[in-house]
Amino acid sequence: MNVIRSLNDVYYMDAQNLKDGGQEHHLMEYINGFRMHAAVPWHTVEDTFIPINIKEKHHWVLAILSFSERCIFLYDLYESSGHNSAVLAEIEKIAKIIPLCLQACDFYIKKGIDHQSHPRYKDKESSDMFDVLFQDDLPQQPSGSLDCGVFMVMYAECLSYGHKVIASEFDPNALRTRYAALLWDYGIRKQEANVISDVKAPARPARQSRITSVTEVVDV
């Protein structure tokens, strides 16, 4: 997100410098799959999951960039007066900057998206902002708690497995225990394999996941 903020600052000062000065370079590396955290090019997937920290609110949200819908779907676990405007201010930076970078790295050609015929693109310029849609009926973080990070990770896991995020309360303590166990197991296997880089580390085993009717937690 720091890359997005830097690009957004340059864009507002001088849009031409965004391209001429090479300011797009770092974000385009992610789009093309050259960064460890995003090991595949964006044109090979349907959606991109982006965890976003709202610094003003000390809060985490999940943004899902849908290329087929030309939309950013926003998953936020907290609702209060004035909260959405602060979140939207950050999300709009992504909605403005990413289309410029997609165009610059020939994403639409690689993805096979025809701006003249695609129903979500034909009435838009390639540099126009992506739409932003707040998702409703989500499990909500209790006021004053610090559970936003673990809820955001849970949203990402549910959605990546094709599960619907159900509007009932997750158990944040159970989730923390589960993710700690997964990280511990991965760290032990990494140590046993004598590797120090995630690129060289043993692949995580395939997982069978489901949503339980009681806890709504994905079991391992």
Foldseek 3Di string as FASTA:
>chain_A
DVLLVVLLVVCVVPVVCSPVVCSLVVVLCLQCQNDPVRNHHVLVDQKDWDWDQLVVVRFIWIWICGPLQLEIEIEFQADDPPPVVSVVVVVQSCQQPVLVSCVVVVSCVSNVPDQCPRPNRVVHDSRHGGHYHYDDLAAHDPPPDPQRVLSNVQVVVCVVVPHDHHNDHADSVVSVVVVVVVVVVQVVQQVVVVDDDPVPGDDDDDDDWDQDPPRRGTDD
